Amino acid sequence: ISLLGTNIWYADRGEYDKIKDEGHLKHDPVEWTARWEEVIDEAEAKAYTRLQEHPQGMGFCHAYWPTLSAILAEDYDIQWRSPSQMNPKILFD
């Protein structure tokens, strides 16, 4: 729990380079900010609404992540990088 609190503390101060990732995949440090937490549920709902006619099986992330990124940028002024952008050597499906 202390790692989570520390990461949030760094993110809210813009000290993204000090945030420690858990696990094997890198995540955009903006995900630790209070601003992200305030808007992510709403942004995700908007993304799913935009993609409601899109098949949501294998490969859906390749439509979802750019859509979510655009919504975060346009509606919330958050510049977010997807897991595929943060992990260029990993293949996602």
PDB file of N, CA and C in Angstrom:
ATOM      1  N   ILE A   1       0.831  -1.187   0.000  1.00  0.00           N
ATOM      2  CA  ILE A   1       0.000   0.000   0.000  1.00  0.00           C
ATOM      3  C   ILE A   1       0.876   1.251   0.000  1.00  0.00           C
ATOM      4  N   SER A   2       2.001   1.196   0.689  1.00  0.00           N
ATOM      5  CA  SER A   2       2.851   2.387   0.738  1.00  0.00           C
ATOM      6  C   SER A   2       3.407   2.728  -0.643  1.00  0.00           C
ATOM      7  N   LEU A   3       3.680   1.709  -1.479  1.00  0.00           N
ATOM      8  CA  LEU A   3       4.151   1.974  -2.840  1.00  0.00           C
ATOM      9  C   LEU A   3       3.082   2.717  -3.628  1.00  0.00           C
ATOM     10  N   LEU A   4       1.833   2.311  -3.488  1.00  0.00           N
ATOM     11  CA  LEU A   4       0.749   2.980  -4.188  1.00  0.00           C
ATOM     12  C   LEU A   4       0.648   4.442  -3.764  1.00  0.00           C
ATOM     13  N   GLY A   5       0.696   4.678  -2.476  1.00  0.00           N
ATOM     14  CA  GLY A   5       0.633   6.044  -1.976  1.00  0.00           C
ATOM     15  C   GLY A   5       1.795   6.884  -2.462  1.00  0.00           C
ATOM     16  N   THR A   6       2.969   6.293  -2.486  1.00  0.00           N
ATOM     17  CA  THR A   6       4.156   7.002  -2.965  1.00  0.00           C
ATOM     18  C   THR A   6       4.022   7.341  -4.440  1.00  0.00           C
ATOM     19  N   ASN A   7       3.558   6.386  -5.250  1.00  0.00           N
ATOM     20  CA  ASN A   7       3.379   6.645  -6.678  1.00  0.00           C
ATOM     21  C   ASN A   7       2.369   7.757  -6.919  1.00  0.00           C
ATOM     22  N   ILE A   8       1.281   7.756  -6.182  1.00  0.00           N
ATOM     23  CA  ILE A   8       0.272   8.810  -6.326  1.00  0.00           C
ATOM     24  C   ILE A   8       0.872  10.158  -5.935  1.00  0.00           C
ATOM     25  N   TRP A   9       1.633  10.176  -4.858  1.00  0.00           N
ATOM     26  CA  TRP A   9       2.262  11.412  -4.392  1.00  0.00           C
ATOM     27  C   TRP A   9       3.183  11.979  -5.469  1.00  0.00           C
ATOM     28  N   TYR A  10       4.026  11.123  -6.072  1.00  0.00           N
ATOM     29  CA  TYR A  10       4.913  11.573  -7.152  1.00  0.00           C
ATOM     30  C   TYR A  10       4.114  12.060  -8.363  1.00  0.00           C
ATOM     31  N   ALA A  11       3.097  11.313  -8.755  1.00  0.00           N
ATOM     32  CA  ALA A  11       2.314  11.671  -9.942  1.00  0.00           C
ATOM     33  C   ALA A  11       1.630  13.017  -9.770  1.00  0.00           C
ATOM     34  N   ASP A  12       1.057  13.256  -8.611  1.00  0.00           N
ATOM     35  CA  ASP A  12       0.364  14.519  -8.380  1.00  0.00           C
ATOM     36  C   ASP A  12       1.312  15.718  -8.349  1.00  0.00           C
ATOM     37  N   ARG A  13       2.591  15.455  -8.226  1.00  0.00           N
ATOM     38  CA  ARG A  13       3.592  16.513  -8.241  1.00  0.00           C
ATOM     39  C   ARG A  13       4.340  16.577  -9.576  1.00  0.00           C
ATOM     40  N   GLY A  14       3.912  15.724 -10.516  1.00  0.00           N
ATOM     41  CA  GLY A  14       4.539  15.714 -11.838  1.00  0.00           C
ATOM     42  C   GLY A  14       5.907  15.061 -11.872  1.00  0.00           C
ATOM     43  N   GLU A  15       6.253  14.301 -10.852  1.00  0.00           N
ATOM     44  CA  GLU A  15       7.544  13.616 -10.785  1.00  0.00           C
ATOM     45  C   GLU A  15       7.401  12.190 -11.311  1.00  0.00           C
ATOM     46  N   TYR A  16       6.993  12.089 -12.579  1.00  0.00           N
ATOM     47  CA  TYR A  16       6.673  10.798 -13.178  1.00  0.00           C
ATOM     48  C   TYR A  16       7.857   9.843 -13.239  1.00  0.00           C
ATOM     49  N   ASP A  17       9.056  10.378 -13.355  1.00  0.00           N
ATOM     50  CA  ASP A  17      10.235   9.524 -13.469  1.00  0.00           C
ATOM     51  C   ASP A  17      10.533   8.756 -12.182  1.00  0.00           C
ATOM     52  N   LYS A  18       9.921   9.136 -11.081  1.00  0.00           N
ATOM     53  CA  LYS A  18      10.144   8.458  -9.808  1.00  0.00           C
ATOM     54  C   LYS A  18       9.121   7.356  -9.520  1.00  0.00           C
ATOM     55  N   ILE A  19       8.115   7.234 -10.381  1.00  0.00           N
ATOM     56  CA  ILE A  19       7.071   6.231 -10.187  1.00  0.00           C
ATOM     57  C   ILE A  19       7.612   4.851 -10.531  1.00  0.00           C
ATOM     58  N   LYS A  20       7.331   3.883  -9.675  1.00  0.00           N
ATOM     59  CA  LYS A  20       7.786   2.513  -9.887  1.00  0.00           C
ATOM     60  C   LYS A  20       6.633   1.672 -10.414  1.00  0.00           C
ATOM     61  N   ASP A  21       6.871   1.004 -11.545  1.00  0.00           N
ATOM     62  CA  ASP A  21       5.874   0.095 -12.109  1.00  0.00           C
ATOM     63  C   ASP A  21       5.876  -1.209 -11.333  1.00  0.00           C
ATOM     64  N   GLU A  22       4.680  -1.777 -11.220  1.00  0.00           N
ATOM     65  CA  GLU A  22       4.554  -3.107 -10.646  1.00  0.00           C
ATOM     66  C   GLU A  22       4.356  -4.085 -11.791  1.00  0.00           C
ATOM     67  N   GLY A  23       4.920  -5.234 -11.709  1.00  0.00           N
ATOM     68  CA  GLY A  23       4.719  -6.237 -12.746  1.00  0.00           C
ATOM     69  C   GLY A  23       5.676  -6.050 -13.905  1.00  0.00           C
ATOM     70  N   HIS A  24       5.330  -6.674 -15.014  1.00  0.00           N
ATOM     71  CA  HIS A  24       6.222  -6.706 -16.168  1.00  0.00           C
ATOM     72  C   HIS A  24       5.927  -5.613 -17.184  1.00  0.00           C
ATOM     73  N   LEU A  25       4.694  -5.151 -17.264  1.00  0.00           N
ATOM     74  CA  LEU A  25       4.325  -4.150 -18.255  1.00  0.00           C
ATOM     75  C   LEU A  25       4.466  -2.749 -17.692  1.00  0.00           C
ATOM     76  N   LYS A  26       4.942  -1.843 -18.535  1.00  0.00           N
ATOM     77  CA  LYS A  26       5.011  -0.440 -18.159  1.00  0.00           C
ATOM     78  C   LYS A  26       3.639   0.188 -18.379  1.00  0.00           C
ATOM     79  N   HIS A  27       3.307   1.148 -17.524  1.00  0.00           N
ATOM     80  CA  HIS A  27       2.066   1.902 -17.650  1.00  0.00           C
ATOM     81  C   HIS A  27       2.406   3.380 -17.705  1.00  0.00           C
ATOM     82  N   ASP A  28       1.568   4.152 -18.358  1.00  0.00           N
ATOM     83  CA  ASP A  28       1.791   5.583 -18.417  1.00  0.00           C
ATOM     84  C   ASP A  28       1.671   6.147 -17.005  1.00  0.00           C
ATOM     85  N   PRO A  29       2.671   6.874 -16.525  1.00  0.00           N
ATOM     86  CA  PRO A  29       2.612   7.424 -15.168  1.00  0.00           C
ATOM     87  C   PRO A  29       1.427   8.357 -14.926  1.00  0.00           C
ATOM     88  N   VAL A  30       0.842   8.908 -15.976  1.00  0.00           N
ATOM     89  CA  VAL A  30      -0.323   9.779 -15.797  1.00  0.00           C
ATOM     90  C   VAL A  30      -1.470   9.023 -15.123  1.00  0.00           C
ATOM     91  N   GLU A  31      -1.455   7.705 -15.224  1.00  0.00           N
ATOM     92  CA  GLU A  31      -2.502   6.888 -14.607  1.00  0.00           C
ATOM     93  C   GLU A  31      -2.483   6.960 -13.079  1.00  0.00           C
ATOM     94  N   TRP A  32      -1.428   7.486 -12.521  1.00  0.00           N
ATOM     95  CA  TRP A  32      -1.335   7.615 -11.062  1.00  0.00           C
ATOM     96  C   TRP A  32      -1.872   8.951 -10.561  1.00  0.00           C
ATOM     97  N   THR A  33      -2.210   9.860 -11.434  1.00  0.00           N
ATOM     98  CA  THR A  33      -2.628  11.197 -10.997  1.00  0.00           C
ATOM     99  C   THR A  33      -4.075  11.231 -10.526  1.00  0.00           C
ATOM    100  N   ALA A  34      -4.359  12.197  -9.680  1.00  0.00           N
ATOM    101  CA  ALA A  34      -5.733  12.402  -9.202  1.00  0.00           C
ATOM    102  C   ALA A  34      -6.640  12.746 -10.377  1.00  0.00           C
ATOM    103  N   ARG A  35      -6.138  13.530 -11.321  1.00  0.00           N
ATOM    104  CA  ARG A  35      -6.944  13.921 -12.490  1.00  0.00           C
ATOM    105  C   ARG A  35      -7.403  12.676 -13.244  1.00  0.00           C
ATOM    106  N   TRP A  36      -6.529  11.729 -13.460  1.00  0.00           N
ATOM    107  CA  TRP A  36      -6.872  10.472 -14.137  1.00  0.00           C
ATOM    108  C   TRP A  36      -7.995   9.768 -13.394  1.00  0.00           C
ATOM    109  N   GLU A  37      -7.844   9.649 -12.097  1.00  0.00           N
ATOM    110  CA  GLU A  37      -8.858   8.968 -11.280  1.00  0.00           C
ATOM    111  C   GLU A  37     -10.210   9.671 -11.359  1.00  0.00           C
ATOM    112  N   GLU A  38     -10.188  10.985 -11.503  1.00  0.00           N
ATOM    113  CA  GLU A  38     -11.433  11.746 -11.571  1.00  0.00           C
ATOM    114  C   GLU A  38     -12.211  11.477 -12.853  1.00  0.00           C
ATOM    115  N   VAL A  39     -11.508  11.170 -13.940  1.00  0.00           N
ATOM    116  CA  VAL A  39     -12.185  11.114 -15.237  1.00  0.00           C
ATOM    117  C   VAL A  39     -12.176   9.747 -15.919  1.00  0.00           C
ATOM    118  N   ILE A  40     -11.383   8.795 -15.458  1.00  0.00           N
ATOM    119  CA  ILE A  40     -11.187   7.567 -16.225  1.00  0.00           C
ATOM    120  C   ILE A  40     -12.464   6.764 -16.423  1.00  0.00           C
ATOM    121  N   ASP A  41     -13.298   6.661 -15.413  1.00  0.00           N
ATOM    122  CA  ASP A  41     -14.536   5.884 -15.579  1.00  0.00           C
ATOM    123  C   ASP A  41     -15.425   6.498 -16.656  1.00  0.00           C
ATOM    124  N   GLU A  42     -15.548   7.806 -16.623  1.00  0.00           N
ATOM    125  CA  GLU A  42     -16.364   8.504 -17.628  1.00  0.00           C
ATOM    126  C   GLU A  42     -15.752   8.374 -19.019  1.00  0.00           C
ATOM    127  N   ALA A  43     -14.426   8.530 -19.109  1.00  0.00           N
ATOM    128  CA  ALA A  43     -13.745   8.418 -20.406  1.00  0.00           C
ATOM    129  C   ALA A  43     -13.874   7.010 -20.975  1.00  0.00           C
ATOM    130  N   GLU A  44     -13.742   6.005 -20.129  1.00  0.00           N
ATOM    131  CA  GLU A  44     -13.891   4.623 -20.595  1.00  0.00           C
ATOM    132  C   GLU A  44     -15.317   4.361 -21.082  1.00  0.00           C
ATOM    133  N   ALA A  45     -16.300   4.888 -20.383  1.00  0.00           N
ATOM    134  CA  ALA A  45     -17.695   4.717 -20.810  1.00  0.00           C
ATOM    135  C   ALA A  45     -17.913   5.368 -22.175  1.00  0.00           C
ATOM    136  N   LYS A  46     -17.335   6.534 -22.383  1.00  0.00           N
ATOM    137  CA  LYS A  46     -17.444   7.212 -23.683  1.00  0.00           C
ATOM    138  C   LYS A  46     -16.787   6.380 -24.782  1.00  0.00           C
ATOM    139  N   ALA A  47     -15.633   5.797 -24.480  1.00  0.00           N
ATOM    140  CA  ALA A  47     -14.933   4.980 -25.477  1.00  0.00           C
ATOM    141  C   ALA A  47     -15.764   3.764 -25.865  1.00  0.00           C
ATOM    142  N   TYR A  48     -16.332   3.083 -24.889  1.00  0.00           N
ATOM    143  CA  TYR A  48     -17.171   1.921 -25.192  1.00  0.00           C
ATOM    144  C   TYR A  48     -18.413   2.327 -25.975  1.00  0.00           C
ATOM    145  N   THR A  49     -18.963   3.486 -25.683  1.00  0.00           N
ATOM    146  CA  THR A  49     -20.120   3.967 -26.432  1.00  0.00           C
ATOM    147  C   THR A  49     -19.751   4.212 -27.891  1.00  0.00           C
ATOM    148  N   ARG A  50     -18.611   4.864 -28.110  1.00  0.00           N
ATOM    149  CA  ARG A  50     -18.161   5.118 -29.487  1.00  0.00           C
ATOM    150  C   ARG A  50     -17.916   3.829 -30.248  1.00  0.00           C
ATOM    151  N   LEU A  51     -17.494   2.803 -29.538  1.00  0.00           N
ATOM    152  CA  LEU A  51     -17.121   1.542 -30.187  1.00  0.00           C
ATOM    153  C   LEU A  51     -18.183   0.458 -30.035  1.00  0.00           C
ATOM    154  N   GLN A  52     -19.404   0.844 -29.713  1.00  0.00           N
ATOM    155  CA  GLN A  52     -20.432  -0.162 -29.450  1.00  0.00           C
ATOM    156  C   GLN A  52     -20.732  -1.054 -30.649  1.00  0.00           C
ATOM    157  N   GLU A  53     -20.500  -0.582 -31.851  1.00  0.00           N
ATOM    158  CA  GLU A  53     -20.732  -1.393 -33.046  1.00  0.00           C
ATOM    159  C   GLU A  53     -19.489  -2.190 -33.458  1.00  0.00           C
ATOM    160  N   HIS A  54     -18.390  -1.954 -32.798  1.00  0.00           N
ATOM    161  CA  HIS A  54     -17.129  -2.625 -33.123  1.00  0.00           C
ATOM    162  C   HIS A  54     -17.081  -3.974 -32.406  1.00  0.00           C
ATOM    163  N   PRO A  55     -16.651  -5.040 -33.080  1.00  0.00           N
ATOM    164  CA  PRO A  55     -16.522  -6.334 -32.407  1.00  0.00           C
ATOM    165  C   PRO A  55     -15.571  -6.223 -31.215  1.00  0.00           C
ATOM    166  N   GLN A  56     -15.974  -6.766 -30.079  1.00  0.00           N
ATOM    167  CA  GLN A  56     -15.176  -6.593 -28.869  1.00  0.00           C
ATOM    168  C   GLN A  56     -14.477  -7.877 -28.446  1.00  0.00           C
ATOM    169  N   GLY A  57     -13.988  -8.584 -29.415  1.00  0.00           N
ATOM    170  CA  GLY A  57     -13.235  -9.797 -29.122  1.00  0.00           C
ATOM    171  C   GLY A  57     -11.748  -9.548 -29.226  1.00  0.00           C
ATOM    172  N   MET A  58     -11.035 -10.556 -29.673  1.00  0.00           N
ATOM    173  CA  MET A  58      -9.597 -10.449 -29.822  1.00  0.00           C
ATOM    174  C   MET A  58      -9.247  -9.276 -30.739  1.00  0.00           C
ATOM    175  N   GLY A  59      -8.288  -8.495 -30.340  1.00  0.00           N
ATOM    176  CA  GLY A  59      -7.850  -7.344 -31.127  1.00  0.00           C
ATOM    177  C   GLY A  59      -8.593  -6.059 -30.811  1.00  0.00           C
ATOM    178  N   PHE A  60      -9.601  -6.119 -29.950  1.00  0.00           N
ATOM    179  CA  PHE A  60     -10.394  -4.933 -29.614  1.00  0.00           C
ATOM    180  C   PHE A  60      -9.534  -3.810 -29.037  1.00  0.00           C
ATOM    181  N   CYS A  61      -8.474  -4.172 -28.326  1.00  0.00           N
ATOM    182  CA  CYS A  61      -7.616  -3.149 -27.713  1.00  0.00           C
ATOM    183  C   CYS A  61      -7.039  -2.196 -28.761  1.00  0.00           C
ATOM    184  N   HIS A  62      -6.860  -2.664 -30.007  1.00  0.00           N
ATOM    185  CA  HIS A  62      -6.280  -1.827 -31.051  1.00  0.00           C
ATOM    186  C   HIS A  62      -7.252  -0.766 -31.552  1.00  0.00           C
ATOM    187  N   ALA A  63      -8.514  -0.914 -31.276  1.00  0.00           N
ATOM    188  CA  ALA A  63      -9.505   0.125 -31.539  1.00  0.00           C
ATOM    189  C   ALA A  63      -9.773   0.928 -30.263  1.00  0.00           C
ATOM    190  N   TYR A  64      -9.791   0.228 -29.140  1.00  0.00           N
ATOM    191  CA  TYR A  64     -10.137   0.853 -27.864  1.00  0.00           C
ATOM    192  C   TYR A  64      -9.093   1.868 -27.399  1.00  0.00           C
ATOM    193  N   TRP A  65      -7.831   1.487 -27.388  1.00  0.00           N
ATOM    194  CA  TRP A  65      -6.799   2.377 -26.857  1.00  0.00           C
ATOM    195  C   TRP A  65      -6.693   3.699 -27.616  1.00  0.00           C
ATOM    196  N   PRO A  66      -6.676   3.713 -28.946  1.00  0.00           N
ATOM    197  CA  PRO A  66      -6.637   5.008 -29.634  1.00  0.00           C
ATOM    198  C   PRO A  66      -7.892   5.849 -29.370  1.00  0.00           C
ATOM    199  N   THR A  67      -9.033   5.184 -29.249  1.00  0.00           N
ATOM    200  CA  THR A  67     -10.279   5.896 -28.956  1.00  0.00           C
ATOM    201  C   THR A  67     -10.222   6.507 -27.563  1.00  0.00           C
ATOM    202  N   LEU A  68      -9.785   5.730 -26.594  1.00  0.00           N
ATOM    203  CA  LEU A  68      -9.661   6.237 -25.231  1.00  0.00           C
ATOM    204  C   LEU A  68      -8.651   7.382 -25.175  1.00  0.00           C
ATOM    205  N   SER A  69      -7.543   7.234 -25.841  1.00  0.00           N
ATOM    206  CA  SER A  69      -6.521   8.277 -25.859  1.00  0.00           C
ATOM    207  C   SER A  69      -7.072   9.578 -26.448  1.00  0.00           C
ATOM    208  N   ALA A  70      -7.827   9.469 -27.526  1.00  0.00           N
ATOM    209  CA  ALA A  70      -8.418  10.661 -28.159  1.00  0.00           C
ATOM    210  C   ALA A  70      -9.421  11.331 -27.221  1.00  0.00           C
ATOM    211  N   ILE A  71     -10.247  10.559 -26.561  1.00  0.00           N
ATOM    212  CA  ILE A  71     -11.228  11.117 -25.623  1.00  0.00           C
ATOM    213  C   ILE A  71     -10.522  11.816 -24.470  1.00  0.00           C
ATOM    214  N   LEU A  72      -9.501  11.178 -23.915  1.00  0.00           N
ATOM    215  CA  LEU A  72      -8.765  11.794 -22.818  1.00  0.00           C
ATOM    216  C   LEU A  72      -8.124  13.112 -23.251  1.00  0.00           C
ATOM    217  N   ALA A  73      -7.599  13.155 -24.467  1.00  0.00           N
ATOM    218  CA  ALA A  73      -6.965  14.380 -24.959  1.00  0.00           C
ATOM    219  C   ALA A  73      -7.995  15.468 -25.263  1.00  0.00           C
ATOM    220  N   GLU A  74      -9.036  15.102 -25.986  1.00  0.00           N
ATOM    221  CA  GLU A  74     -10.019  16.090 -26.436  1.00  0.00           C
ATOM    222  C   GLU A  74     -10.905  16.609 -25.307  1.00  0.00           C
ATOM    223  N   ASP A  75     -11.393  15.704 -24.475  1.00  0.00           N
ATOM    224  CA  ASP A  75     -12.382  16.086 -23.462  1.00  0.00           C
ATOM    225  C   ASP A  75     -11.775  16.475 -22.114  1.00  0.00           C
ATOM    226  N   TYR A  76     -10.558  15.978 -21.828  1.00  0.00           N
ATOM    227  CA  TYR A  76      -9.998  16.168 -20.489  1.00  0.00           C
ATOM    228  C   TYR A  76      -8.596  16.751 -20.477  1.00  0.00           C
ATOM    229  N   ASP A  77      -8.036  17.000 -21.654  1.00  0.00           N
ATOM    230  CA  ASP A  77      -6.685  17.550 -21.773  1.00  0.00           C
ATOM    231  C   ASP A  77      -5.641  16.673 -21.060  1.00  0.00           C
ATOM    232  N   ILE A  78      -5.821  15.363 -21.181  1.00  0.00           N
ATOM    233  CA  ILE A  78      -4.869  14.403 -20.626  1.00  0.00           C
ATOM    234  C   ILE A  78      -4.182  13.707 -21.793  1.00  0.00           C
ATOM    235  N   GLN A  79      -2.862  13.767 -21.819  1.00  0.00           N
ATOM    236  CA  GLN A  79      -2.086  13.073 -22.834  1.00  0.00           C
ATOM    237  C   GLN A  79      -1.681  11.713 -22.265  1.00  0.00           C
ATOM    238  N   TRP A  80      -2.324  10.670 -22.779  1.00  0.00           N
ATOM    239  CA  TRP A  80      -2.133   9.323 -22.262  1.00  0.00           C
ATOM    240  C   TRP A  80      -1.497   8.446 -23.323  1.00  0.00           C
ATOM    241  N   ARG A  81      -0.599   7.571 -22.891  1.00  0.00           N
ATOM    242  CA  ARG A  81       0.026   6.602 -23.789  1.00  0.00           C
ATOM    243  C   ARG A  81      -0.496   5.212 -23.440  1.00  0.00           C
ATOM    244  N   SER A  82      -0.905   4.498 -24.459  1.00  0.00           N
ATOM    245  CA  SER A  82      -1.500   3.170 -24.289  1.00  0.00           C
ATOM    246  C   SER A  82      -0.454   2.142 -23.872  1.00  0.00           C
ATOM    247  N   PRO A  83      -0.917   0.985 -23.399  1.00  0.00           N
ATOM    248  CA  PRO A  83       0.035  -0.091 -23.090  1.00  0.00           C
ATOM    249  C   PRO A  83       0.910  -0.468 -24.288  1.00  0.00           C
ATOM    250  N   SER A  84       0.365  -0.440 -25.489  1.00  0.00           N
ATOM    251  CA  SER A  84       1.187  -0.782 -26.655  1.00  0.00           C
ATOM    252  C   SER A  84       2.248   0.286 -26.916  1.00  0.00           C
ATOM    253  N   GLN A  85       1.950   1.542 -26.625  1.00  0.00           N
ATOM    254  CA  GLN A  85       2.954   2.596 -26.777  1.00  0.00           C
ATOM    255  C   GLN A  85       4.017   2.505 -25.684  1.00  0.00           C
ATOM    256  N   MET A  86       3.606   2.109 -24.493  1.00  0.00           N
ATOM    257  CA  MET A  86       4.543   2.018 -23.383  1.00  0.00           C
ATOM    258  C   MET A  86       5.391   0.756 -23.447  1.00  0.00           C
ATOM    259  N   ASN A  87       4.941  -0.242 -24.191  1.00  0.00           N
ATOM    260  CA  ASN A  87       5.614  -1.540 -24.276  1.00  0.00           C
ATOM    261  C   ASN A  87       5.759  -1.947 -25.737  1.00  0.00           C
ATOM    262  N   PRO A  88       6.583  -1.231 -26.501  1.00  0.00           N
ATOM    263  CA  PRO A  88       6.634  -1.459 -27.954  1.00  0.00           C
ATOM    264  C   PRO A  88       7.111  -2.854 -28.383  1.00  0.00           C
ATOM    265  N   LYS A  89       7.768  -3.575 -27.514  1.00  0.00           N
ATOM    266  CA  LYS A  89       8.254  -4.908 -27.884  1.00  0.00           C
ATOM    267  C   LYS A  89       7.268  -6.016 -27.520  1.00  0.00           C
ATOM    268  N   ILE A  90       6.113  -5.631 -26.975  1.00  0.00           N
ATOM    269  CA  ILE A  90       5.093  -6.601 -26.588  1.00  0.00           C
ATOM    270  C   ILE A  90       3.993  -6.609 -27.656  1.00  0.00           C
ATOM    271  N   LEU A  91       3.537  -7.789 -28.027  1.00  0.00           N
ATOM    272  CA  LEU A  91       2.431  -7.900 -28.968  1.00  0.00           C
ATOM    273  C   LEU A  91       1.136  -8.086 -28.192  1.00  0.00           C
ATOM    274  N   PHE A  92       0.192  -7.199 -28.425  1.00  0.00           N
ATOM    275  CA  PHE A  92      -1.113  -7.278 -27.792  1.00  0.00           C
ATOM    276  C   PHE A  92      -2.131  -7.767 -28.803  1.00  0.00           C
ATOM    277  N   ASP A  93      -3.126  -8.516 -28.339  1.00  0.00           N
ATOM    278  CA  ASP A  93      -4.193  -8.968 -29.255  1.00  0.00           C
ATOM    279  C   ASP A  93      -5.551  -8.738 -28.663  1.00  0.00           C
TER     280      ASP A  93
END
